[in-house]
């Protein structure tokens, strides 16, 4: 997953790649940092697999997080690193019972090639996600490392492809709706 999805991040990355493709190795060495914060809520309905919709669980998910970006120049190309943290609360709207989660991740451009306005970005990422039961007891976790190759059209600000080329890790968390039933009914 290409995690630099915010509009400010996309605009900044586009600008950096344009400078990189035009500047070459003799260009000045810019260094930039910025951050984006978010706070949003949405509802999701979990169908527990029966024809009767009265047993469906409506979960209100609330996320609060931040992404911290660092851009560096090396050998005429620009590299972006993103460190993210996120707290989440998942509430069964019928029972009022909630479980929580905490995630942090580190995404890093490993290699960037720009040819004719098309950037090929090799990225690496690690993610740690923990879920906590309503009583605060550990409810499961996900830990993984992945590598992706993203092909990005700089002029049109479009991801042309995003291919996960390596994925290793483990998860002891359940499916989201399994957790909803396990923790809140």
N, C-alpha and C. Protein backbone atom coordinates (compact mmCIF):
# COMPACT_ATOMS: atom_id res chain seq x y z
N UNK A 1 0.85 -1.18 0.00
CA UNK A 1 0.00 0.00 0.00
C UNK A 1 0.89 1.23 0.00
N UNK A 2 0.58 2.14 -0.85
CA UNK A 2 1.31 3.41 -0.94
C UNK A 2 0.74 4.34 0.11
N UNK A 3 1.46 4.55 1.21
CA UNK A 3 0.89 5.21 2.38
C UNK A 3 0.91 6.73 2.30
N UNK A 4 1.61 7.32 1.34
CA UNK A 4 1.61 8.77 1.22
C UNK A 4 0.37 9.20 0.46
N UNK A 5 -0.80 9.16 1.10
CA UNK A 5 -2.04 9.36 0.38
C UNK A 5 -2.67 10.73 0.59
N UNK A 6 -2.21 11.51 1.53
CA UNK A 6 -2.81 12.81 1.77
C UNK A 6 -2.50 13.78 0.65
N UNK A 7 -3.39 14.77 0.41
CA UNK A 7 -3.17 15.72 -0.68
C UNK A 7 -1.88 16.52 -0.53
N UNK A 8 -1.56 16.91 0.69
CA UNK A 8 -0.33 17.68 0.90
C UNK A 8 0.89 16.81 0.60
N UNK A 9 0.82 15.55 0.98
CA UNK A 9 1.94 14.64 0.73
C UNK A 9 2.11 14.41 -0.76
N UNK A 10 1.02 14.21 -1.47
CA UNK A 10 1.10 13.98 -2.92
C UNK A 10 1.67 15.20 -3.62
N UNK A 11 1.20 16.38 -3.25
CA UNK A 11 1.70 17.61 -3.87
C UNK A 11 3.19 17.80 -3.58
N UNK A 12 3.59 17.55 -2.35
CA UNK A 12 4.99 17.73 -1.99
C UNK A 12 5.86 16.71 -2.72
N UNK A 13 5.42 15.47 -2.77
CA UNK A 13 6.18 14.44 -3.47
C UNK A 13 6.29 14.77 -4.95
N UNK A 14 5.19 15.22 -5.56
CA UNK A 14 5.22 15.60 -6.98
C UNK A 14 6.23 16.71 -7.22
N UNK A 15 6.23 17.71 -6.37
CA UNK A 15 7.17 18.82 -6.51
C UNK A 15 8.60 18.37 -6.36
N UNK A 16 8.86 17.51 -5.38
CA UNK A 16 10.21 17.01 -5.18
C UNK A 16 10.67 16.19 -6.37
N UNK A 17 9.79 15.35 -6.91
CA UNK A 17 10.19 14.53 -8.05
C UNK A 17 10.43 15.38 -9.29
N UNK A 18 9.64 16.44 -9.49
CA UNK A 18 9.88 17.34 -10.63
C UNK A 18 11.24 18.00 -10.51
N UNK A 19 11.58 18.48 -9.31
CA UNK A 19 12.89 19.09 -9.11
C UNK A 19 13.98 18.06 -9.32
N UNK A 20 13.75 16.84 -8.82
CA UNK A 20 14.76 15.80 -8.95
C UNK A 20 15.00 15.44 -10.41
N UNK A 21 13.92 15.34 -11.18
CA UNK A 21 14.10 14.95 -12.57
C UNK A 21 14.75 16.05 -13.39
N UNK A 22 14.63 17.29 -12.95
CA UNK A 22 15.23 18.40 -13.67
C UNK A 22 16.62 18.77 -13.15
N UNK A 23 16.86 18.52 -11.85
CA UNK A 23 18.06 19.06 -11.21
C UNK A 23 19.31 18.26 -11.40
N UNK A 24 19.24 16.96 -11.37
CA UNK A 24 20.44 16.15 -11.50
C UNK A 24 21.30 16.19 -10.26
N UNK A 25 22.43 15.53 -10.34
CA UNK A 25 23.30 15.38 -9.18
C UNK A 25 23.93 16.68 -8.74
N UNK A 26 24.04 17.68 -9.63
CA UNK A 26 24.67 18.93 -9.26
C UNK A 26 23.74 19.90 -8.55
N UNK A 27 22.47 19.56 -8.40
CA UNK A 27 21.50 20.45 -7.77
C UNK A 27 21.78 20.59 -6.28
N UNK A 28 21.24 21.67 -5.71
CA UNK A 28 21.36 21.87 -4.26
C UNK A 28 20.72 20.69 -3.54
N UNK A 29 21.09 20.49 -2.29
CA UNK A 29 20.57 19.38 -1.50
C UNK A 29 19.46 19.87 -0.59
N UNK A 30 18.20 19.82 -1.05
CA UNK A 30 17.11 20.25 -0.19
C UNK A 30 16.86 19.21 0.90
N UNK A 31 16.33 19.68 1.99
CA UNK A 31 15.91 18.84 3.09
C UNK A 31 14.59 19.41 3.58
N UNK A 32 13.60 18.59 3.72
CA UNK A 32 12.30 19.10 4.12
C UNK A 32 11.63 18.11 5.05
N UNK A 33 10.87 18.62 5.99
CA UNK A 33 10.04 17.79 6.87
C UNK A 33 8.68 18.45 6.99
N UNK A 34 7.67 17.65 7.13
CA UNK A 34 6.32 18.15 7.37
C UNK A 34 5.51 17.05 8.03
N UNK A 35 4.35 17.41 8.54
CA UNK A 35 3.50 16.42 9.16
C UNK A 35 2.04 16.66 8.80
N UNK A 36 1.29 15.60 8.83
CA UNK A 36 -0.15 15.66 8.59
C UNK A 36 -0.84 14.93 9.74
N UNK A 37 -1.90 15.53 10.25
CA UNK A 37 -2.69 14.92 11.33
C UNK A 37 -4.08 14.65 10.81
N UNK A 38 -4.71 13.63 11.34
CA UNK A 38 -6.07 13.33 10.92
C UNK A 38 -6.89 12.83 12.10
N UNK A 39 -8.19 12.99 11.97
CA UNK A 39 -9.16 12.58 12.98
C UNK A 39 -10.46 12.36 12.23
N UNK A 40 -10.87 11.11 12.07
CA UNK A 40 -12.11 10.87 11.34
C UNK A 40 -12.84 9.66 11.91
N UNK A 41 -14.12 9.61 11.61
CA UNK A 41 -15.00 8.56 12.10
C UNK A 41 -15.87 8.06 10.95
N UNK A 42 -16.12 6.77 10.92
CA UNK A 42 -17.08 6.23 9.96
C UNK A 42 -17.73 4.98 10.55
N UNK A 43 -18.88 4.62 10.01
CA UNK A 43 -19.59 3.42 10.45
C UNK A 43 -19.37 2.29 9.46
N UNK A 44 -19.30 1.09 10.00
CA UNK A 44 -19.15 -0.10 9.18
C UNK A 44 -20.13 -1.15 9.71
N UNK A 45 -20.76 -1.88 8.81
CA UNK A 45 -21.72 -2.91 9.22
C UNK A 45 -21.10 -4.28 9.01
N UNK A 46 -21.13 -5.09 10.06
CA UNK A 46 -20.63 -6.46 9.99
C UNK A 46 -21.82 -7.41 9.88
N UNK A 47 -21.87 -8.13 8.77
CA UNK A 47 -22.88 -9.15 8.55
C UNK A 47 -22.31 -10.45 9.12
N UNK A 48 -22.98 -10.99 10.11
CA UNK A 48 -22.45 -12.19 10.77
C UNK A 48 -22.78 -13.48 10.03
N UNK A 49 -23.24 -13.35 8.78
CA UNK A 49 -23.38 -14.52 7.94
C UNK A 49 -24.75 -15.16 7.92
N UNK A 50 -25.72 -14.55 8.57
CA UNK A 50 -27.06 -15.12 8.53
C UNK A 50 -27.94 -14.25 7.64
N UNK A 51 -29.08 -14.81 7.22
CA UNK A 51 -30.02 -14.04 6.39
C UNK A 51 -30.72 -12.97 7.21
N UNK A 52 -30.75 -13.16 8.52
CA UNK A 52 -31.41 -12.22 9.43
C UNK A 52 -30.48 -11.03 9.68
N UNK A 53 -30.88 -9.85 9.23
CA UNK A 53 -30.02 -8.67 9.42
C UNK A 53 -30.09 -8.11 10.83
N UNK A 54 -30.98 -8.64 11.67
CA UNK A 54 -31.08 -8.12 13.04
C UNK A 54 -29.84 -8.49 13.87
N UNK A 55 -29.05 -9.48 13.42
CA UNK A 55 -27.84 -9.82 14.16
C UNK A 55 -26.60 -9.11 13.61
N UNK A 56 -26.77 -8.28 12.59
CA UNK A 56 -25.64 -7.50 12.07
C UNK A 56 -25.15 -6.55 13.15
N UNK A 57 -23.87 -6.26 13.13
CA UNK A 57 -23.26 -5.36 14.11
C UNK A 57 -22.81 -4.10 13.38
N UNK A 58 -23.30 -2.95 13.84
CA UNK A 58 -22.83 -1.68 13.31
C UNK A 58 -21.72 -1.17 14.23
N UNK A 59 -20.55 -0.96 13.65
CA UNK A 59 -19.39 -0.51 14.42
C UNK A 59 -19.03 0.89 13.95
N UNK A 60 -18.87 1.80 14.92
CA UNK A 60 -18.37 3.12 14.62
C UNK A 60 -16.86 3.11 14.89
N UNK A 61 -16.09 3.36 13.84
CA UNK A 61 -14.63 3.36 13.93
C UNK A 61 -14.15 4.80 13.97
N UNK A 62 -13.30 5.10 14.95
CA UNK A 62 -12.75 6.45 15.10
C UNK A 62 -11.23 6.34 15.08
N UNK A 63 -10.60 7.11 14.21
CA UNK A 63 -9.15 7.09 14.04
C UNK A 63 -8.56 8.47 14.29
N UNK A 64 -7.49 8.51 15.06
CA UNK A 64 -6.73 9.74 15.30
C UNK A 64 -5.27 9.38 15.06
N UNK A 65 -4.63 10.13 14.17
CA UNK A 65 -3.26 9.77 13.86
C UNK A 65 -2.46 10.91 13.29
N UNK A 66 -1.20 10.60 13.06
CA UNK A 66 -0.28 11.59 12.49
C UNK A 66 0.73 10.87 11.61
N UNK A 67 1.13 11.57 10.55
CA UNK A 67 2.19 11.09 9.66
C UNK A 67 3.27 12.16 9.64
N UNK A 68 4.51 11.73 9.81
CA UNK A 68 5.66 12.62 9.84
C UNK A 68 6.55 12.29 8.64
N UNK A 69 6.72 13.26 7.77
CA UNK A 69 7.43 13.07 6.51
C UNK A 69 8.81 13.71 6.56
N UNK A 70 9.78 13.04 5.97
CA UNK A 70 11.13 13.60 5.80
C UNK A 70 11.55 13.34 4.36
N UNK A 71 12.01 14.39 3.69
CA UNK A 71 12.49 14.26 2.31
C UNK A 71 13.99 14.58 2.29
N UNK A 72 14.73 13.73 1.61
CA UNK A 72 16.18 13.92 1.48
C UNK A 72 16.59 13.74 0.02
N UNK A 73 17.70 14.36 -0.34
CA UNK A 73 18.27 14.21 -1.67
C UNK A 73 19.52 13.37 -1.56
N UNK A 74 19.67 12.42 -2.50
CA UNK A 74 20.88 11.61 -2.56
C UNK A 74 21.15 11.28 -4.02
N UNK A 75 22.30 11.62 -4.49
CA UNK A 75 22.70 11.34 -5.87
C UNK A 75 21.71 11.89 -6.89
N UNK A 76 21.17 13.08 -6.61
CA UNK A 76 20.27 13.72 -7.56
C UNK A 76 18.83 13.22 -7.51
N UNK A 77 18.52 12.32 -6.61
CA UNK A 77 17.15 11.82 -6.47
C UNK A 77 16.64 12.11 -5.07
N UNK A 78 15.32 12.22 -4.95
CA UNK A 78 14.71 12.54 -3.67
C UNK A 78 14.05 11.31 -3.08
N UNK A 79 14.22 11.14 -1.79
CA UNK A 79 13.70 10.01 -1.06
C UNK A 79 12.82 10.52 0.07
N UNK A 80 11.70 9.86 0.30
CA UNK A 80 10.77 10.26 1.34
C UNK A 80 10.65 9.13 2.35
N UNK A 81 10.65 9.50 3.62
CA UNK A 81 10.41 8.57 4.72
C UNK A 81 9.17 9.05 5.46
N UNK A 82 8.30 8.11 5.85
CA UNK A 82 7.08 8.47 6.56
C UNK A 82 6.99 7.61 7.82
N UNK A 83 6.89 8.25 8.97
CA UNK A 83 6.63 7.57 10.23
C UNK A 83 5.22 7.94 10.67
N UNK A 84 4.43 6.93 11.00
CA UNK A 84 3.02 7.15 11.32
C UNK A 84 2.65 6.51 12.65
N UNK A 85 1.73 7.15 13.35
CA UNK A 85 1.13 6.57 14.54
C UNK A 85 -0.38 6.77 14.45
N UNK A 86 -1.12 5.82 15.01
CA UNK A 86 -2.57 5.92 14.94
C UNK A 86 -3.21 5.21 16.12
N UNK A 87 -4.15 5.90 16.77
CA UNK A 87 -5.00 5.31 17.79
C UNK A 87 -6.37 5.11 17.19
N UNK A 88 -7.00 3.98 17.49
CA UNK A 88 -8.32 3.71 16.94
C UNK A 88 -9.23 3.17 18.04
N UNK A 89 -10.50 3.50 17.92
CA UNK A 89 -11.54 2.99 18.81
C UNK A 89 -12.66 2.46 17.94
N UNK A 90 -13.14 1.27 18.26
CA UNK A 90 -14.20 0.61 17.51
C UNK A 90 -15.36 0.34 18.47
N UNK A 91 -16.49 1.00 18.26
CA UNK A 91 -17.61 0.93 19.19
C UNK A 91 -18.82 0.27 18.53
N UNK A 92 -19.37 -0.75 19.19
CA UNK A 92 -20.63 -1.35 18.76
C UNK A 92 -21.71 -0.33 19.11
N UNK A 93 -22.40 0.21 18.10
CA UNK A 93 -23.35 1.30 18.36
C UNK A 93 -24.58 0.82 19.13
N UNK A 94 -24.88 -0.49 19.10
CA UNK A 94 -26.03 -1.01 19.85
C UNK A 94 -25.72 -1.26 21.32
N UNK A 95 -24.51 -1.75 21.61
CA UNK A 95 -24.17 -2.08 23.00
C UNK A 95 -23.34 -1.00 23.68
N UNK A 96 -22.69 -0.14 22.90
CA UNK A 96 -21.81 0.88 23.47
C UNK A 96 -20.46 0.32 23.90
N UNK A 97 -20.22 -0.96 23.71
CA UNK A 97 -18.96 -1.59 24.10
C UNK A 97 -17.93 -1.33 22.99
N UNK A 98 -16.70 -1.01 23.42
CA UNK A 98 -15.66 -0.66 22.45
C UNK A 98 -14.38 -1.44 22.71
N UNK A 99 -13.64 -1.67 21.64
CA UNK A 99 -12.27 -2.16 21.74
C UNK A 99 -11.38 -1.15 21.03
N UNK A 100 -10.09 -1.23 21.27
CA UNK A 100 -9.19 -0.20 20.75
C UNK A 100 -8.02 -0.84 19.99
N UNK A 101 -7.32 0.02 19.28
CA UNK A 101 -6.13 -0.42 18.56
C UNK A 101 -5.09 0.68 18.55
N UNK A 102 -3.86 0.27 18.35
CA UNK A 102 -2.76 1.22 18.22
C UNK A 102 -1.85 0.71 17.11
N UNK A 103 -1.47 1.59 16.20
CA UNK A 103 -0.59 1.19 15.10
C UNK A 103 0.54 2.20 14.94
N UNK A 104 1.69 1.71 14.55
CA UNK A 104 2.77 2.59 14.10
C UNK A 104 3.44 1.93 12.91
N UNK A 105 3.91 2.77 12.02
CA UNK A 105 4.56 2.25 10.82
C UNK A 105 5.72 3.15 10.41
N UNK A 106 6.59 2.57 9.61
CA UNK A 106 7.74 3.28 9.06
C UNK A 106 7.83 2.88 7.59
N UNK A 107 7.65 3.84 6.70
CA UNK A 107 7.73 3.62 5.26
C UNK A 107 8.91 4.41 4.72
N UNK A 108 9.64 3.81 3.80
CA UNK A 108 10.86 4.47 3.32
C UNK A 108 11.07 4.15 1.85
N UNK A 109 11.40 5.19 1.07
CA UNK A 109 11.82 4.97 -0.31
C UNK A 109 13.23 4.39 -0.28
N UNK A 110 13.40 3.24 -0.93
CA UNK A 110 14.71 2.59 -0.96
C UNK A 110 15.49 2.96 -2.21
N UNK A 111 14.77 3.14 -3.31
CA UNK A 111 15.41 3.48 -4.58
C UNK A 111 14.39 4.24 -5.42
N UNK A 112 14.82 5.32 -6.07
CA UNK A 112 13.95 6.11 -6.93
C UNK A 112 14.67 6.33 -8.26
N UNK A 113 14.00 5.96 -9.35
CA UNK A 113 14.50 6.23 -10.69
C UNK A 113 13.45 7.06 -11.42
N UNK A 114 13.89 8.14 -12.08
CA UNK A 114 12.97 8.97 -12.86
C UNK A 114 13.46 8.98 -14.30
N UNK A 115 12.59 8.52 -15.21
CA UNK A 115 12.89 8.50 -16.63
C UNK A 115 11.68 9.06 -17.37
N UNK A 116 11.91 10.14 -18.13
CA UNK A 116 10.84 10.75 -18.94
C UNK A 116 9.59 11.06 -18.13
N UNK A 117 9.79 11.58 -16.93
CA UNK A 117 8.66 12.00 -16.10
C UNK A 117 7.93 10.89 -15.38
N UNK A 118 8.42 9.67 -15.48
CA UNK A 118 7.83 8.53 -14.79
C UNK A 118 8.81 8.08 -13.70
N UNK A 119 8.33 8.10 -12.46
CA UNK A 119 9.17 7.68 -11.34
C UNK A 119 8.86 6.22 -10.99
N UNK A 120 9.90 5.44 -10.83
CA UNK A 120 9.77 4.08 -10.31
C UNK A 120 10.36 4.12 -8.91
N UNK A 121 9.50 3.87 -7.92
CA UNK A 121 9.87 4.03 -6.52
C UNK A 121 9.83 2.67 -5.84
N UNK A 122 10.96 2.22 -5.33
CA UNK A 122 11.04 0.98 -4.56
C UNK A 122 10.92 1.38 -3.10
N UNK A 123 9.92 0.84 -2.41
CA UNK A 123 9.67 1.23 -1.03
C UNK A 123 9.77 0.04 -0.09
N UNK A 124 10.06 0.32 1.15
CA UNK A 124 10.03 -0.68 2.21
C UNK A 124 9.17 -0.15 3.34
N UNK A 125 8.47 -1.05 4.02
CA UNK A 125 7.59 -0.63 5.11
C UNK A 125 7.57 -1.68 6.21
N UNK A 126 7.42 -1.20 7.43
CA UNK A 126 7.13 -2.08 8.57
C UNK A 126 5.88 -1.53 9.25
N UNK A 127 5.04 -2.42 9.73
CA UNK A 127 3.82 -2.03 10.42
C UNK A 127 3.66 -2.90 11.66
N UNK A 128 3.30 -2.24 12.75
CA UNK A 128 2.95 -2.93 13.99
C UNK A 128 1.56 -2.43 14.40
N UNK A 129 0.64 -3.37 14.63
CA UNK A 129 -0.73 -3.02 15.00
C UNK A 129 -1.14 -3.93 16.15
N UNK A 130 -1.64 -3.32 17.22
CA UNK A 130 -2.11 -4.08 18.37
C UNK A 130 -3.56 -3.75 18.65
N UNK A 131 -4.31 -4.77 19.03
CA UNK A 131 -5.72 -4.64 19.37
C UNK A 131 -5.87 -4.97 20.85
N UNK A 132 -6.73 -4.19 21.52
CA UNK A 132 -6.98 -4.40 22.95
C UNK A 132 -8.46 -4.62 23.19
N UNK A 133 -8.77 -5.63 24.00
CA UNK A 133 -10.15 -5.95 24.36
C UNK A 133 -10.74 -4.80 25.19
N UNK A 134 -12.06 -4.78 25.37
CA UNK A 134 -12.68 -3.71 26.16
C UNK A 134 -12.10 -3.55 27.57
N UNK A 135 -11.59 -4.64 28.16
CA UNK A 135 -11.00 -4.54 29.51
C UNK A 135 -9.53 -4.15 29.47
N UNK A 136 -8.98 -3.86 28.28
CA UNK A 136 -7.59 -3.45 28.14
C UNK A 136 -6.62 -4.60 27.91
N UNK A 137 -7.10 -5.84 27.98
CA UNK A 137 -6.24 -7.00 27.76
C UNK A 137 -5.84 -7.08 26.28
N UNK A 138 -4.63 -7.56 26.01
CA UNK A 138 -4.22 -7.71 24.61
C UNK A 138 -5.18 -8.62 23.86
N UNK A 139 -5.56 -8.20 22.64
CA UNK A 139 -6.51 -8.98 21.86
C UNK A 139 -5.92 -9.52 20.57
N UNK A 140 -4.69 -9.16 20.26
CA UNK A 140 -4.04 -9.65 19.06
C UNK A 140 -3.13 -8.58 18.48
N UNK A 141 -2.30 -8.99 17.54
CA UNK A 141 -1.40 -8.03 16.90
C UNK A 141 -1.06 -8.48 15.50
N UNK A 142 -0.60 -7.50 14.71
CA UNK A 142 -0.08 -7.75 13.37
C UNK A 142 1.30 -7.10 13.30
N UNK A 143 2.24 -7.82 12.77
CA UNK A 143 3.59 -7.29 12.54
C UNK A 143 4.03 -7.76 11.18
N UNK A 144 4.41 -6.82 10.32
CA UNK A 144 4.88 -7.26 9.01
C UNK A 144 5.87 -6.28 8.42
N UNK A 145 6.58 -6.78 7.43
CA UNK A 145 7.50 -5.99 6.63
C UNK A 145 7.16 -6.26 5.18
N UNK A 146 7.13 -5.20 4.39
CA UNK A 146 6.82 -5.38 2.98
C UNK A 146 7.71 -4.49 2.12
N UNK A 147 7.81 -4.87 0.86
CA UNK A 147 8.48 -4.05 -0.14
C UNK A 147 7.56 -3.94 -1.34
N UNK A 148 7.50 -2.76 -1.92
CA UNK A 148 6.64 -2.51 -3.07
C UNK A 148 7.41 -1.74 -4.14
N UNK A 149 6.89 -1.84 -5.36
CA UNK A 149 7.40 -1.03 -6.47
C UNK A 149 6.22 -0.22 -6.99
N UNK A 150 6.36 1.10 -6.91
CA UNK A 150 5.32 2.02 -7.33
C UNK A 150 5.80 2.73 -8.60
N UNK A 151 4.97 2.76 -9.61
CA UNK A 151 5.28 3.51 -10.83
C UNK A 151 4.34 4.71 -10.83
N UNK A 152 4.95 5.91 -10.90
CA UNK A 152 4.22 7.15 -10.65
C UNK A 152 4.44 8.13 -11.79
N UNK A 153 3.36 8.60 -12.40
CA UNK A 153 3.41 9.62 -13.46
C UNK A 153 3.45 10.98 -12.78
N UNK A 154 4.60 11.64 -12.84
CA UNK A 154 4.79 12.90 -12.12
C UNK A 154 3.90 14.00 -12.67
N UNK A 155 3.87 14.19 -13.97
CA UNK A 155 3.12 15.29 -14.58
C UNK A 155 1.62 15.19 -14.33
N UNK A 156 1.09 13.97 -14.34
CA UNK A 156 -0.35 13.78 -14.15
C UNK A 156 -0.73 13.41 -12.72
N UNK A 157 0.28 13.31 -11.83
CA UNK A 157 0.05 13.03 -10.41
C UNK A 157 -0.81 11.78 -10.22
N UNK A 158 -0.37 10.68 -10.86
CA UNK A 158 -1.14 9.44 -10.84
C UNK A 158 -0.21 8.26 -10.57
N UNK A 159 -0.62 7.38 -9.65
CA UNK A 159 0.06 6.10 -9.49
C UNK A 159 -0.36 5.22 -10.65
N UNK A 160 0.59 4.77 -11.47
CA UNK A 160 0.28 3.90 -12.59
C UNK A 160 0.20 2.44 -12.15
N UNK A 161 0.99 2.10 -11.14
CA UNK A 161 0.92 0.75 -10.57
C UNK A 161 1.53 0.78 -9.18
N UNK A 162 1.15 -0.20 -8.40
CA UNK A 162 1.66 -0.36 -7.04
C UNK A 162 1.67 -1.85 -6.76
N UNK A 163 2.84 -2.46 -6.88
CA UNK A 163 2.95 -3.91 -6.75
C UNK A 163 3.72 -4.27 -5.50
N UNK A 164 3.12 -5.11 -4.66
CA UNK A 164 3.79 -5.62 -3.49
C UNK A 164 4.68 -6.78 -3.94
N UNK A 165 6.01 -6.62 -3.76
CA UNK A 165 6.94 -7.64 -4.25
C UNK A 165 7.48 -8.53 -3.13
N UNK A 166 7.24 -8.14 -1.86
CA UNK A 166 7.70 -8.95 -0.74
C UNK A 166 6.80 -8.65 0.45
N UNK A 167 6.41 -9.70 1.16
CA UNK A 167 5.59 -9.52 2.35
C UNK A 167 5.92 -10.65 3.32
N UNK A 168 6.38 -10.28 4.51
CA UNK A 168 6.64 -11.26 5.57
C UNK A 168 6.07 -10.72 6.87
N UNK A 169 5.62 -11.63 7.72
CA UNK A 169 5.11 -11.21 9.01
C UNK A 169 4.14 -12.21 9.58
N UNK A 170 3.49 -11.79 10.66
CA UNK A 170 2.50 -12.65 11.29
C UNK A 170 1.37 -11.80 11.86
N UNK A 171 0.26 -12.45 12.09
CA UNK A 171 -0.89 -11.77 12.69
C UNK A 171 -1.60 -12.72 13.64
N UNK A 172 -1.93 -12.22 14.81
CA UNK A 172 -2.76 -12.99 15.74
C UNK A 172 -4.11 -12.29 15.91
N UNK A 173 -4.34 -11.23 15.13
CA UNK A 173 -5.65 -10.57 15.16
C UNK A 173 -6.62 -11.42 14.34
N UNK A 174 -7.89 -11.16 14.55
CA UNK A 174 -8.95 -11.84 13.82
C UNK A 174 -9.45 -10.92 12.70
N UNK A 175 -10.33 -11.43 11.87
CA UNK A 175 -11.05 -10.60 10.91
C UNK A 175 -11.78 -9.50 11.69
N UNK A 176 -11.90 -8.32 11.08
CA UNK A 176 -12.53 -7.19 11.77
C UNK A 176 -13.90 -7.55 12.35
N UNK A 177 -14.75 -8.20 11.57
CA UNK A 177 -16.10 -8.52 12.06
C UNK A 177 -16.08 -9.62 13.10
N UNK A 178 -15.10 -10.52 13.04
CA UNK A 178 -14.94 -11.52 14.10
C UNK A 178 -14.59 -10.82 15.40
N UNK A 179 -13.67 -9.83 15.32
CA UNK A 179 -13.34 -9.04 16.51
C UNK A 179 -14.55 -8.29 17.03
N UNK A 180 -15.35 -7.74 16.13
CA UNK A 180 -16.57 -7.00 16.55
C UNK A 180 -17.47 -7.91 17.37
N UNK A 181 -17.69 -9.12 16.89
CA UNK A 181 -18.55 -10.07 17.63
C UNK A 181 -17.88 -10.54 18.91
N UNK A 182 -16.58 -10.80 18.84
CA UNK A 182 -15.83 -11.32 19.99
C UNK A 182 -15.78 -10.31 21.13
N UNK A 183 -15.57 -9.04 20.80
CA UNK A 183 -15.36 -8.04 21.84
C UNK A 183 -16.63 -7.30 22.29
N UNK A 184 -17.67 -7.25 21.47
CA UNK A 184 -18.76 -6.32 21.81
C UNK A 184 -20.15 -6.95 21.92
N UNK A 185 -20.27 -8.26 21.81
CA UNK A 185 -21.62 -8.84 21.94
C UNK A 185 -21.68 -9.73 23.16
